[in-house]
Amino acid sequence: MDRRKLARRKQRGLTLVELLVVIVILALASSVVMMNAPPSRPDVRDDAERFAARISLAFDEAIAGDAPLRIRIDTEGYGFETLKDGEWTPADNIAPLARREFHRRTSALVEVRDAANENAPALGEDETGGDEGEDGVSTIPLDPLGAQTPFNIRFSSAEGVWSVSVDETGAVRVSDDG
């Protein structure tokens, strides 16, 4: 009978020490995974990359549609407008060009790089340029012939600063300025 009791006692499962060792191994493995996981993307980066993709599409749309477009940027977000019958109207009928709001902590600063803005400091004016109105709205035209006024838009928030630069050929570049 003593052999049966010993046999049963040996077959009763895991000991507390074995269970603790397994838990420690799982904890170490999960911490390694968490340390190597990519960080979450900041909202300001998403805003900049989304704007870059949409501006590239807008250039293509302006050229393919042979119609002038412009970007209208304000403190809340941006949208694209088309010129129809001499009036600028929102391009909301083209889904990728519909108005887009910035994330709530993101702000944008428009800097147009053209001859008029480069000469502005000599004339005692602000060099950031653009067709900025009294209400803080900037508009940038997109030429259907493919030529483009170069500009830079700095998206900033507490999470960092990202820039979208467009050159004379319409090439779009996104960079981390933080």
Foldseek 3Di string as FASTA:
>chain_A
DVVVVVVVVVPPDDDPVVVVVVVVVVVVVVVVVVVPDDDDDDLLQVQAVLVLVLLLVVLVCCQVVVWKKKWKQAFFWIAIWTQDPNDTDTPVVPPSRHTDGGPPFKGKQKAFDDPVLVCQVVVVHHSSDAPQDPRRMGMAMRHNVQFGGWMKMWIDGPVAIKIWTADRRRDIDIDGPD
